[in-house]
């Protein structure tokens, strides 16, 4: 008999998200990767992430992903409610 929790992904706290952790857009496509965590360690508040994206000829391929757009953080990826185009805007 299969365990009902067999396919669940463990949540991960924002402070434990490693560099280069994939950032998934709303449709599940990879939209970038975590470059840095933004927040206040003293009270555990997450403000979001600096994410890296691959855009040719962009001088600084890092953008801010605000916490309000983070849907879920798992051991596999950071999930956002934005599209790939919105992440790159």
Protein backbone atom coordinates (compact mmCIF):
# COMPACT_ATOMS: atom_id res chain seq x y z
CA UNK A 1 0.00 0.00 0.00
CA UNK A 2 1.39 3.39 -1.02
CA UNK A 3 1.99 6.08 1.54
CA UNK A 4 -0.25 9.15 0.96
CA UNK A 5 2.73 11.38 1.76
CA UNK A 6 5.05 9.62 -0.68
CA UNK A 7 5.06 12.47 -3.25
CA UNK A 8 4.99 15.44 -0.88
CA UNK A 9 7.97 17.75 -0.92
CA UNK A 10 9.36 18.97 2.40
CA UNK A 11 9.10 22.72 3.00
CA UNK A 12 12.29 24.66 3.55
CA UNK A 13 12.82 27.83 5.57
CA UNK A 14 13.95 30.87 3.58
CA UNK A 15 17.22 31.17 5.50
CA UNK A 16 18.22 27.64 4.47
CA UNK A 17 17.71 28.15 0.73
CA UNK A 18 21.08 27.54 -0.93
CA UNK A 19 22.64 29.65 -3.68
CA UNK A 20 21.70 28.45 -7.18
CA UNK A 21 18.42 26.93 -5.89
CA UNK A 22 16.00 26.89 -8.87
CA UNK A 23 13.20 29.47 -8.98
CA UNK A 24 10.11 28.09 -10.70
CA UNK A 25 7.62 30.35 -12.47
CA UNK A 26 3.86 29.95 -12.07
CA UNK A 27 3.73 27.39 -14.90
CA UNK A 28 6.56 25.31 -13.40
CA UNK A 29 9.24 26.50 -15.84
CA UNK A 30 12.63 27.41 -14.40
CA UNK A 31 12.77 31.20 -14.33
CA UNK A 32 16.07 31.71 -12.57
CA UNK A 33 18.10 30.74 -9.54
CA UNK A 34 18.61 32.09 -6.04
CA UNK A 35 21.60 34.41 -5.83
CA UNK A 36 20.96 35.77 -2.30
CA UNK A 37 18.39 35.78 0.51
CA UNK A 38 16.88 39.06 1.70
CA UNK A 39 15.45 39.50 5.17
CA UNK A 40 16.05 40.09 8.82
CA UNK A 41 17.66 37.17 10.61
CA UNK A 42 16.92 38.65 14.04
CA UNK A 43 13.16 38.26 13.63
CA UNK A 44 13.00 35.69 10.82
CA UNK A 45 11.31 38.04 8.36
CA UNK A 46 11.83 37.16 4.70
CA UNK A 47 11.77 40.10 2.27
CA UNK A 48 12.43 37.94 -0.77
CA UNK A 49 15.34 36.76 -2.86
CA UNK A 50 17.82 38.16 -5.32
CA UNK A 51 17.51 35.87 -8.32
CA UNK A 52 19.80 35.38 -11.25
CA UNK A 53 18.38 34.96 -14.73
CA UNK A 54 19.99 34.21 -18.06
CA UNK A 55 19.38 37.18 -20.33
CA UNK A 56 22.04 37.76 -23.00
CA UNK A 57 23.65 41.21 -22.99
CA UNK A 58 22.03 42.26 -19.71
CA UNK A 59 24.66 44.06 -17.65
CA UNK A 60 23.40 42.74 -14.30
CA UNK A 61 21.34 39.56 -14.63
CA UNK A 62 20.07 39.75 -11.03
CA UNK A 63 16.55 40.77 -10.06
CA UNK A 64 14.55 41.02 -6.85
CA UNK A 65 11.83 38.47 -6.17
CA UNK A 66 9.72 40.03 -3.43
CA UNK A 67 8.36 37.78 -0.68
CA UNK A 68 4.74 38.49 -1.70
CA UNK A 69 5.43 36.61 -4.95
CA UNK A 70 6.93 33.54 -3.24
CA UNK A 71 4.27 30.85 -3.07
CA UNK A 72 6.31 28.01 -1.57
CA UNK A 73 9.87 27.11 -0.69
CA UNK A 74 10.81 23.44 -0.89
CA UNK A 75 14.00 21.40 -0.86
CA UNK A 76 13.66 21.21 -4.65
CA UNK A 77 12.92 24.85 -5.59
CA UNK A 78 11.41 28.23 -4.82
CA UNK A 79 7.92 28.53 -6.35
CA UNK A 80 6.60 31.92 -7.44
CA UNK A 81 3.27 33.16 -8.74
CA UNK A 82 4.99 35.12 -11.53
CA UNK A 83 5.54 34.02 -15.13
CA UNK A 84 9.02 33.72 -16.63
CA UNK A 85 8.36 36.98 -18.54
CA UNK A 86 7.33 38.75 -15.33
CA UNK A 87 10.45 37.50 -13.55
CA UNK A 88 12.62 38.92 -16.33
CA UNK A 89 10.82 42.29 -16.47
